[in-house]
Amino acid sequence: MFFHCGKCVYDLGFGLILLGLMLMAVLYSSIGHGGASGYLVVLSLTGFGMMEPVWLKQNVWCLNLVVSSIAFYHYRSSGYHDWGLTVPFVLSSVPMVLIGSYMRVDGVLYDVLLSFVLLLAAWRLYSTVEHDQTDEYEVPGFRMDVMGIGGGIGLASGVIGLGGGIFLSPLIILKKWGTPKATAATASVFVWLNSATGLIGSSVSEGFGVEFSDLAPFAVAVLIGGFVGSRYGAEFAPQNRVRAFLIVVLMIASARRVLGVAGLWP
């Protein structure tokens, strides 16, 4: 059964939810992401966190579409997007998202492993900041490892209900396939296409559960946040600051899952 918030838009608590979503959109869009994991953090603190997984996934994917499209516009307009970096990941990811959106994987082990991966990525990014003085980056092209990475991220994204940018971005930066801002531009396209594919696959397998009247206030909140965050990230923030924002995002996403496993988070 899907949830209808009705007149809850006038409730003060609902206003705080919108503020939380907007702030998450500011942070995530600054690195080219749609913000799915951040929105799940906010919604899980409220009654929305008790909704069926399909409701959460589909609404979050819709918010991803809004924010990642704005992020792509700003990063592309600023000259940071490279289709040569983007296309191999997109082509390998999208079919696997469709498969993953039909699946549902639960369990403590899954959450623990995912949290470990996100924390490890955050630490690796942090530990290499001072030692990474080179401006030499090499776009990998259609290599087998690249296609495998894209496919694996796509499958995980479809299962969890994310856009996949949170997995892709640290890999690109650590492997020196692109600068932080080029990575953000690629991530925005990657997130948008994965979210659209996941939404389609989930709707076919489980029904379309998004009520646009209920989604509208969420969308407006992330639209504002996405515009502010992505413009700042693309036009004003230094490369290393975009990288620092990515580390913060990884920490937020991993902390949410660790606390959930420990029973300290709804």
C-alpha atoms as a PDB file:
ATOM      1  CA  MET A   1       0.000   0.000   0.000  1.00  0.00           C
ATOM      2  CA  PHE A   2       1.404   3.336  -0.980  1.00  0.00           C
ATOM      3  CA  PHE A   3       1.415   6.396   1.242  1.00  0.00           C
ATOM      4  CA  HIS A   4      -0.412   9.638   0.532  1.00  0.00           C
ATOM      5  CA  CYS A   5       0.754  12.586   2.593  1.00  0.00           C
ATOM      6  CA  GLY A   6      -2.298  14.758   1.805  1.00  0.00           C
ATOM      7  CA  LYS A   7      -2.309  17.898   3.943  1.00  0.00           C
ATOM      8  CA  CYS A   8       0.920  17.013   5.720  1.00  0.00           C
ATOM      9  CA  VAL A   9       2.629  19.713   3.640  1.00  0.00           C
ATOM     10  CA  TYR A  10       1.351  22.228   6.189  1.00  0.00           C
ATOM     11  CA  ASP A  11       2.874  20.439   9.144  1.00  0.00           C
ATOM     12  CA  LEU A  12       6.001  21.913  10.744  1.00  0.00           C
ATOM     13  CA  GLY A  13       7.608  18.468  10.861  1.00  0.00           C
ATOM     14  CA  PHE A  14       7.073  18.102   7.159  1.00  0.00           C
ATOM     15  CA  GLY A  15       8.755  21.450   6.642  1.00  0.00           C
ATOM     16  CA  LEU A  16      11.827  20.122   8.434  1.00  0.00           C
ATOM     17  CA  ILE A  17      11.806  17.106   6.139  1.00  0.00           C
ATOM     18  CA  LEU A  18      11.810  19.413   3.119  1.00  0.00           C
ATOM     19  CA  LEU A  19      14.674  21.402   4.617  1.00  0.00           C
ATOM     20  CA  GLY A  20      16.645  18.190   5.186  1.00  0.00           C
ATOM     21  CA  LEU A  21      16.053  17.065   1.604  1.00  0.00           C
ATOM     22  CA  MET A  22      17.111  20.466   0.292  1.00  0.00           C
ATOM     23  CA  LEU A  23      20.353  20.435   2.291  1.00  0.00           C
ATOM     24  CA  MET A  24      21.148  16.922   1.080  1.00  0.00           C
ATOM     25  CA  ALA A  25      20.528  18.072  -2.486  1.00  0.00           C
ATOM     26  CA  VAL A  26      22.952  20.978  -1.987  1.00  0.00           C
ATOM     27  CA  LEU A  27      25.694  18.645  -0.761  1.00  0.00           C
ATOM     28  CA  TYR A  28      25.185  15.815  -3.240  1.00  0.00           C
ATOM     29  CA  SER A  29      24.648  17.970  -6.320  1.00  0.00           C
ATOM     30  CA  SER A  30      27.936  19.759  -5.617  1.00  0.00           C
ATOM     31  CA  ILE A  31      29.651  16.498  -6.619  1.00  0.00           C
ATOM     32  CA  GLY A  32      27.255  15.675  -9.470  1.00  0.00           C
ATOM     33  CA  HIS A  33      25.171  13.151  -7.539  1.00  0.00           C
ATOM     34  CA  GLY A  34      21.400  12.909  -7.361  1.00  0.00           C
ATOM     35  CA  GLY A  35      21.358  12.467  -3.583  1.00  0.00           C
ATOM     36  CA  ALA A  36      19.456   9.185  -3.226  1.00  0.00           C
ATOM     37  CA  SER A  37      21.402   7.897  -0.220  1.00  0.00           C
ATOM     38  CA  GLY A  38      21.032  11.288   1.467  1.00  0.00           C
ATOM     39  CA  TYR A  39      17.286  11.378   0.885  1.00  0.00           C
ATOM     40  CA  LEU A  40      16.992   7.903   2.384  1.00  0.00           C
ATOM     41  CA  VAL A  41      18.834   9.205   5.463  1.00  0.00           C
ATOM     42  CA  VAL A  42      16.308  12.038   5.879  1.00  0.00           C
ATOM     43  CA  LEU A  43      13.215   9.946   5.162  1.00  0.00           C
ATOM     44  CA  SER A  44      14.308   7.127   7.472  1.00  0.00           C
ATOM     45  CA  LEU A  45      14.167   9.537  10.419  1.00  0.00           C
ATOM     46  CA  THR A  46      10.453  10.091   9.805  1.00  0.00           C
ATOM     47  CA  GLY A  47       7.295   8.088   9.258  1.00  0.00           C
ATOM     48  CA  PHE A  48       8.236   7.859   5.594  1.00  0.00           C
ATOM     49  CA  GLY A  49      10.984   5.445   6.610  1.00  0.00           C
ATOM     50  CA  MET A  50       8.288   2.872   7.383  1.00  0.00           C
ATOM     51  CA  MET A  51       6.987   2.903   3.842  1.00  0.00           C
ATOM     52  CA  GLU A  52       7.379  -0.082   1.552  1.00  0.00           C
ATOM     53  CA  PRO A  53      10.798  -0.363  -0.140  1.00  0.00           C
ATOM     54  CA  VAL A  54       9.232   0.111  -3.573  1.00  0.00           C
ATOM     55  CA  TRP A  55       7.738   3.451  -2.487  1.00  0.00           C
ATOM     56  CA  LEU A  56      11.059   4.664  -1.155  1.00  0.00           C
ATOM     57  CA  LYS A  57      13.046   3.497  -4.187  1.00  0.00           C
ATOM     58  CA  GLN A  58      10.720   5.001  -6.753  1.00  0.00           C
ATOM     59  CA  ASN A  59      10.338   8.371  -5.044  1.00  0.00           C
ATOM     60  CA  VAL A  60      14.073   8.630  -4.433  1.00  0.00           C
ATOM     61  CA  TRP A  61      14.803   7.782  -8.055  1.00  0.00           C
ATOM     62  CA  CYS A  62      12.424  10.564  -9.123  1.00  0.00           C
ATOM     63  CA  LEU A  63      14.287  13.057  -6.926  1.00  0.00           C
ATOM     64  CA  ASN A  64      17.548  11.819  -8.427  1.00  0.00           C
ATOM     65  CA  LEU A  65      16.255  12.670 -11.898  1.00  0.00           C
ATOM     66  CA  VAL A  66      15.574  16.241 -10.840  1.00  0.00           C
ATOM     67  CA  VAL A  67      18.898  16.910  -9.134  1.00  0.00           C
ATOM     68  CA  SER A  68      21.266  15.023 -11.450  1.00  0.00           C
ATOM     69  CA  SER A  69      19.846  16.799 -14.506  1.00  0.00           C
ATOM     70  CA  ILE A  70      20.576  20.182 -12.911  1.00  0.00           C
ATOM     71  CA  ALA A  71      24.056  19.023 -11.896  1.00  0.00           C
ATOM     72  CA  PHE A  72      24.796  17.849 -15.429  1.00  0.00           C
ATOM     73  CA  TYR A  73      23.690  21.188 -16.865  1.00  0.00           C
ATOM     74  CA  HIS A  74      26.031  23.165 -14.611  1.00  0.00           C
ATOM     75  CA  TYR A  75      29.061  20.889 -14.966  1.00  0.00           C
ATOM     76  CA  ARG A  76      28.653  20.564 -18.733  1.00  0.00           C
ATOM     77  CA  SER A  77      28.156  24.314 -19.140  1.00  0.00           C
ATOM     78  CA  SER A  78      31.386  24.846 -17.207  1.00  0.00           C
ATOM     79  CA  GLY A  79      33.244  22.567 -19.635  1.00  0.00           C
ATOM     80  CA  TYR A  80      33.956  19.592 -17.368  1.00  0.00           C
ATOM     81  CA  HIS A  81      32.017  16.822 -19.096  1.00  0.00           C
ATOM     82  CA  ASP A  82      33.817  14.220 -21.219  1.00  0.00           C
ATOM     83  CA  TRP A  83      31.637  11.721 -23.088  1.00  0.00           C
ATOM     84  CA  GLY A  84      34.666   9.476 -23.522  1.00  0.00           C
ATOM     85  CA  LEU A  85      34.739   8.978 -19.762  1.00  0.00           C
ATOM     86  CA  THR A  86      30.976   8.661 -19.380  1.00  0.00           C
ATOM     87  CA  VAL A  87      29.837   6.331 -22.176  1.00  0.00           C
ATOM     88  CA  PRO A  88      31.638   3.090 -21.165  1.00  0.00           C
ATOM     89  CA  PHE A  89      30.214   3.241 -17.638  1.00  0.00           C
ATOM     90  CA  VAL A  90      26.720   4.084 -18.839  1.00  0.00           C
ATOM     91  CA  LEU A  91      26.539   1.363 -21.486  1.00  0.00           C
ATOM     92  CA  SER A  92      27.660  -1.318 -19.042  1.00  0.00           C
ATOM     93  CA  SER A  93      25.555  -0.083 -16.134  1.00  0.00           C
ATOM     94  CA  VAL A  94      22.076   0.554 -17.529  1.00  0.00           C
ATOM     95  CA  PRO A  95      21.198  -3.073 -18.464  1.00  0.00           C
ATOM     96  CA  MET A  96      22.319  -4.271 -15.024  1.00  0.00           C
ATOM     97  CA  VAL A  97      20.234  -1.606 -13.272  1.00  0.00           C
ATOM     98  CA  LEU A  98      17.208  -3.024 -15.041  1.00  0.00           C
ATOM     99  CA  ILE A  99      18.023  -6.485 -13.723  1.00  0.00           C
ATOM    100  CA  GLY A 100      18.760  -5.219 -10.220  1.00  0.00           C
ATOM    101  CA  SER A 101      15.509  -3.274 -10.040  1.00  0.00           C
ATOM    102  CA  TYR A 102      13.656  -6.601 -10.258  1.00  0.00           C
ATOM    103  CA  MET A 103      15.576  -7.956  -7.280  1.00  0.00           C
ATOM    104  CA  ARG A 104      15.483  -7.382  -3.554  1.00  0.00           C
ATOM    105  CA  VAL A 105      18.421  -8.206  -1.318  1.00  0.00           C
ATOM    106  CA  ASP A 106      18.191  -7.814   2.462  1.00  0.00           C
ATOM    107  CA  GLY A 107      20.364  -8.852   5.350  1.00  0.00           C
ATOM    108  CA  VAL A 108      22.862  -7.637   7.898  1.00  0.00           C
ATOM    109  CA  LEU A 109      25.876  -9.011   6.011  1.00  0.00           C
ATOM    110  CA  TYR A 110      24.927  -7.033   2.928  1.00  0.00           C
ATOM    111  CA  ASP A 111      24.676  -3.778   4.915  1.00  0.00           C
ATOM    112  CA  VAL A 112      27.958  -4.420   6.722  1.00  0.00           C
ATOM    113  CA  LEU A 113      29.841  -5.110   3.491  1.00  0.00           C
ATOM    114  CA  LEU A 114      28.385  -2.065   1.775  1.00  0.00           C
ATOM    115  CA  SER A 115      29.248   0.157   4.747  1.00  0.00           C
ATOM    116  CA  PHE A 116      32.804  -1.166   4.744  1.00  0.00           C
ATOM    117  CA  VAL A 117      33.217  -0.428   1.033  1.00  0.00           C
ATOM    118  CA  LEU A 118      31.946   3.148   1.424  1.00  0.00           C
ATOM    119  CA  LEU A 119      34.149   3.822   4.458  1.00  0.00           C
ATOM    120  CA  LEU A 120      37.181   2.375   2.681  1.00  0.00           C
ATOM    121  CA  ALA A 121      36.551   4.609  -0.330  1.00  0.00           C
ATOM    122  CA  ALA A 122      36.233   7.655   1.931  1.00  0.00           C
ATOM    123  CA  TRP A 123      39.488   6.814   3.718  1.00  0.00           C
ATOM    124  CA  ARG A 124      41.375   6.193   0.476  1.00  0.00           C
ATOM    125  CA  LEU A 125      40.217   9.540  -0.909  1.00  0.00           C
ATOM    126  CA  TYR A 126      41.185  11.328   2.291  1.00  0.00           C
ATOM    127  CA  SER A 127      44.566   9.641   2.653  1.00  0.00           C
ATOM    128  CA  THR A 128      45.661  10.434  -0.898  1.00  0.00           C
ATOM    129  CA  VAL A 129      44.717  14.140  -0.974  1.00  0.00           C
ATOM    130  CA  GLU A 130      48.095  15.446   0.187  1.00  0.00           C
ATOM    131  CA  HIS A 131      50.076  13.041  -1.989  1.00  0.00           C
ATOM    132  CA  ASP A 132      48.044  13.571  -5.155  1.00  0.00           C
ATOM    133  CA  GLN A 133      49.855  16.459  -6.813  1.00  0.00           C
ATOM    134  CA  THR A 134      49.716  15.219 -10.396  1.00  0.00           C
ATOM    135  CA  ASP A 135      47.370  16.627 -13.019  1.00  0.00           C
ATOM    136  CA  GLU A 136      47.808  13.591 -15.253  1.00  0.00           C
ATOM    137  CA  TYR A 137      44.543  11.748 -15.866  1.00  0.00           C
ATOM    138  CA  GLU A 138      43.848   9.056 -18.436  1.00  0.00           C
ATOM    139  CA  VAL A 139      40.354   8.256 -19.709  1.00  0.00           C
ATOM    140  CA  PRO A 140      40.197   4.436 -19.693  1.00  0.00           C
ATOM    141  CA  GLY A 141      37.835   3.828 -22.617  1.00  0.00           C
ATOM    142  CA  PHE A 142      36.086   0.510 -23.274  1.00  0.00           C
ATOM    143  CA  ARG A 143      38.282  -1.768 -21.179  1.00  0.00           C
ATOM    144  CA  MET A 144      37.021  -4.984 -19.616  1.00  0.00           C
ATOM    145  CA  ASP A 145      37.627  -3.783 -16.052  1.00  0.00           C
ATOM    146  CA  VAL A 146      35.753  -0.555 -16.759  1.00  0.00           C
ATOM    147  CA  MET A 147      32.778  -2.409 -18.212  1.00  0.00           C
ATOM    148  CA  GLY A 148      32.807  -4.787 -15.268  1.00  0.00           C
ATOM    149  CA  ILE A 149      32.832  -1.893 -12.797  1.00  0.00           C
ATOM    150  CA  GLY A 150      29.954  -0.202 -14.578  1.00  0.00           C
ATOM    151  CA  GLY A 151      27.908  -3.398 -14.646  1.00  0.00           C
ATOM    152  CA  GLY A 152      28.543  -4.195 -11.000  1.00  0.00           C
ATOM    153  CA  ILE A 153      27.606  -0.692  -9.870  1.00  0.00           C
ATOM    154  CA  GLY A 154      24.488  -0.826 -12.030  1.00  0.00           C
ATOM    155  CA  LEU A 155      23.335  -4.082 -10.449  1.00  0.00           C
ATOM    156  CA  ALA A 156      23.909  -2.780  -6.923  1.00  0.00           C
ATOM    157  CA  SER A 157      22.132   0.474  -7.753  1.00  0.00           C
ATOM    158  CA  GLY A 158      19.063  -1.324  -9.046  1.00  0.00           C
ATOM    159  CA  VAL A 159      18.829  -3.523  -5.969  1.00  0.00           C
ATOM    160  CA  ILE A 160      19.288  -0.757  -3.388  1.00  0.00           C
ATOM    161  CA  GLY A 161      17.441   2.039  -5.154  1.00  0.00           C
ATOM    162  CA  LEU A 162      20.343   4.428  -5.762  1.00  0.00           C
ATOM    163  CA  GLY A 163      21.788   6.152  -8.805  1.00  0.00           C
ATOM    164  CA  GLY A 164      25.224   4.627  -8.349  1.00  0.00           C
ATOM    165  CA  GLY A 165      27.270   7.804  -8.268  1.00  0.00           C
ATOM    166  CA  ILE A 166      28.328   7.098  -4.699  1.00  0.00           C
ATOM    167  CA  PHE A 167      30.154   3.992  -5.952  1.00  0.00           C
ATOM    168  CA  LEU A 168      31.425   5.349  -9.266  1.00  0.00           C
ATOM    169  CA  SER A 169      32.916   8.704  -8.237  1.00  0.00           C
ATOM    170  CA  PRO A 170      35.562   7.482  -5.767  1.00  0.00           C
ATOM    171  CA  LEU A 171      36.713   4.817  -8.222  1.00  0.00           C
ATOM    172  CA  ILE A 172      37.229   7.306 -11.050  1.00  0.00           C
ATOM    173  CA  ILE A 173      39.167   9.701  -8.828  1.00  0.00           C
ATOM    174  CA  LEU A 174      41.326   7.057  -7.156  1.00  0.00           C
ATOM    175  CA  LYS A 175      42.209   5.438 -10.479  1.00  0.00           C
ATOM    176  CA  LYS A 176      42.991   8.874 -11.972  1.00  0.00           C
ATOM    177  CA  TRP A 177      40.548   8.471 -14.810  1.00  0.00           C
ATOM    178  CA  GLY A 178      39.269  12.015 -14.327  1.00  0.00           C
ATOM    179  CA  THR A 179      39.525  15.139 -12.197  1.00  0.00           C
ATOM    180  CA  PRO A 180      36.997  15.602  -9.369  1.00  0.00           C
ATOM    181  CA  LYS A 181      34.912  17.950 -11.520  1.00  0.00           C
ATOM    182  CA  ALA A 182      35.086  15.728 -14.605  1.00  0.00           C
ATOM    183  CA  THR A 183      34.040  12.889 -12.316  1.00  0.00           C
ATOM    184  CA  ALA A 184      31.089  14.924 -11.061  1.00  0.00           C
ATOM    185  CA  ALA A 185      29.959  15.601 -14.620  1.00  0.00           C
ATOM    186  CA  THR A 186      30.133  11.906 -15.526  1.00  0.00           C
ATOM    187  CA  ALA A 187      28.406  10.926 -12.289  1.00  0.00           C
ATOM    188  CA  SER A 188      25.458  13.205 -13.055  1.00  0.00           C
ATOM    189  CA  VAL A 189      24.759  11.435 -16.371  1.00  0.00           C
ATOM    190  CA  PHE A 190      25.376   8.035 -14.803  1.00  0.00           C
ATOM    191  CA  VAL A 191      22.964   8.773 -11.941  1.00  0.00           C
ATOM    192  CA  TRP A 192      20.244  10.147 -14.218  1.00  0.00           C
ATOM    193  CA  LEU A 193      20.220   7.189 -16.597  1.00  0.00           C
ATOM    194  CA  ASN A 194      20.481   4.614 -13.817  1.00  0.00           C
ATOM    195  CA  SER A 195      17.635   6.254 -11.892  1.00  0.00           C
ATOM    196  CA  ALA A 196      15.407   6.391 -14.956  1.00  0.00           C
ATOM    197  CA  THR A 197      16.147   2.746 -15.762  1.00  0.00           C
ATOM    198  CA  GLY A 198      15.585   1.629 -12.191  1.00  0.00           C
ATOM    199  CA  LEU A 199      12.278   3.481 -12.042  1.00  0.00           C
ATOM    200  CA  ILE A 200      11.106   1.801 -15.240  1.00  0.00           C
ATOM    201  CA  GLY A 201      12.181  -1.671 -14.124  1.00  0.00           C
ATOM    202  CA  SER A 202      10.657  -1.300 -10.674  1.00  0.00           C
ATOM    203  CA  SER A 203       7.391   0.012 -12.116  1.00  0.00           C
ATOM    204  CA  VAL A 204       7.102  -2.943 -14.474  1.00  0.00           C
ATOM    205  CA  SER A 205       7.823  -5.531 -11.780  1.00  0.00           C
ATOM    206  CA  GLU A 206       6.104  -3.973  -8.752  1.00  0.00           C
ATOM    207  CA  GLY A 207       3.781  -1.272 -10.079  1.00  0.00           C
ATOM    208  CA  PHE A 208       4.237   2.491 -10.260  1.00  0.00           C
ATOM    209  CA  GLY A 209       3.828   3.834  -6.730  1.00  0.00           C
ATOM    210  CA  VAL A 210       4.668   7.503  -7.151  1.00  0.00           C
ATOM    211  CA  GLU A 211       1.894  10.001  -6.496  1.00  0.00           C
ATOM    212  CA  PHE A 212       2.971  13.252  -8.124  1.00  0.00           C
ATOM    213  CA  SER A 213       0.894  15.380  -5.755  1.00  0.00           C
ATOM    214  CA  ASP A 214       2.862  13.914  -2.863  1.00  0.00           C
ATOM    215  CA  LEU A 215       6.183  14.008  -4.708  1.00  0.00           C
ATOM    216  CA  ALA A 216       5.848  17.666  -5.727  1.00  0.00           C
ATOM    217  CA  PRO A 217       6.975  19.294  -2.441  1.00  0.00           C
ATOM    218  CA  PHE A 218       9.956  16.931  -2.264  1.00  0.00           C
ATOM    219  CA  ALA A 219      10.856  17.773  -5.858  1.00  0.00           C
ATOM    220  CA  VAL A 220      10.676  21.528  -5.260  1.00  0.00           C
ATOM    221  CA  ALA A 221      12.951  21.223  -2.208  1.00  0.00           C
ATOM    222  CA  VAL A 222      15.638  19.227  -4.036  1.00  0.00           C
ATOM    223  CA  LEU A 223      15.290  21.423  -7.130  1.00  0.00           C
ATOM    224  CA  ILE A 224      16.329  24.454  -5.094  1.00  0.00           C
ATOM    225  CA  GLY A 225      19.092  22.567  -3.306  1.00  0.00           C
ATOM    226  CA  GLY A 226      20.338  20.983  -6.521  1.00  0.00           C
ATOM    227  CA  PHE A 227      20.576  24.313  -8.294  1.00  0.00           C
ATOM    228  CA  VAL A 228      22.557  25.946  -5.490  1.00  0.00           C
ATOM    229  CA  GLY A 229      24.869  22.987  -4.860  1.00  0.00           C
ATOM    230  CA  SER A 230      25.705  22.093  -8.447  1.00  0.00           C
ATOM    231  CA  ARG A 231      26.332  25.680  -9.469  1.00  0.00           C
ATOM    232  CA  TYR A 232      28.701  26.145  -6.550  1.00  0.00           C
ATOM    233  CA  GLY A 233      30.496  22.865  -7.264  1.00  0.00           C
ATOM    234  CA  ALA A 234      30.874  23.503 -10.983  1.00  0.00           C
ATOM    235  CA  GLU A 235      31.643  27.222 -11.050  1.00  0.00           C
ATOM    236  CA  PHE A 236      33.192  28.215  -7.733  1.00  0.00           C
ATOM    237  CA  ALA A 237      34.544  25.290  -5.677  1.00  0.00           C
ATOM    238  CA  PRO A 238      38.184  24.231  -6.198  1.00  0.00           C
ATOM    239  CA  GLN A 239      38.780  20.673  -7.407  1.00  0.00           C
ATOM    240  CA  ASN A 240      39.935  19.463  -3.984  1.00  0.00           C
ATOM    241  CA  ARG A 241      36.862  20.914  -2.309  1.00  0.00           C
ATOM    242  CA  VAL A 242      34.628  18.890  -4.617  1.00  0.00           C
ATOM    243  CA  ARG A 243      36.692  15.887  -3.601  1.00  0.00           C
ATOM    244  CA  ALA A 244      36.209  16.768   0.083  1.00  0.00           C
ATOM    245  CA  PHE A 245      32.434  16.960  -0.427  1.00  0.00           C
ATOM    246  CA  LEU A 246      32.550  13.450  -1.883  1.00  0.00           C
ATOM    247  CA  ILE A 247      34.300  12.182   1.249  1.00  0.00           C
ATOM    248  CA  VAL A 248      31.540  13.707   3.414  1.00  0.00           C
ATOM    249  CA  VAL A 249      28.855  12.068   1.268  1.00  0.00           C
ATOM    250  CA  LEU A 250      30.524   8.657   1.579  1.00  0.00           C
ATOM    251  CA  MET A 251      30.705   9.051   5.366  1.00  0.00           C
ATOM    252  CA  ILE A 252      27.013   9.954   5.603  1.00  0.00           C
ATOM    253  CA  ALA A 253      25.940   6.997   3.497  1.00  0.00           C
ATOM    254  CA  SER A 254      28.107   4.488   5.374  1.00  0.00           C
ATOM    255  CA  ALA A 255      27.141   5.831   8.818  1.00  0.00           C
ATOM    256  CA  ARG A 256      23.454   5.439   8.013  1.00  0.00           C
ATOM    257  CA  ARG A 257      23.898   1.753   7.206  1.00  0.00           C
ATOM    258  CA  VAL A 258      26.185   1.031  10.168  1.00  0.00           C
ATOM    259  CA  LEU A 259      23.734   2.621  12.607  1.00  0.00           C
ATOM    260  CA  GLY A 260      20.874   0.753  10.960  1.00  0.00           C
ATOM    261  CA  VAL A 261      22.624  -2.583  11.482  1.00  0.00           C
ATOM    262  CA  ALA A 262      23.284  -1.651  15.122  1.00  0.00           C
ATOM    263  CA  GLY A 263      19.617  -0.861  15.643  1.00  0.00           C
ATOM    264  CA  LEU A 264      20.353   2.810  16.340  1.00  0.00           C
ATOM    265  CA  TRP A 265      18.642   4.084  13.183  1.00  0.00           C
ATOM    266  CA  PRO A 266      15.072   3.478  12.008  1.00  0.00           C
END
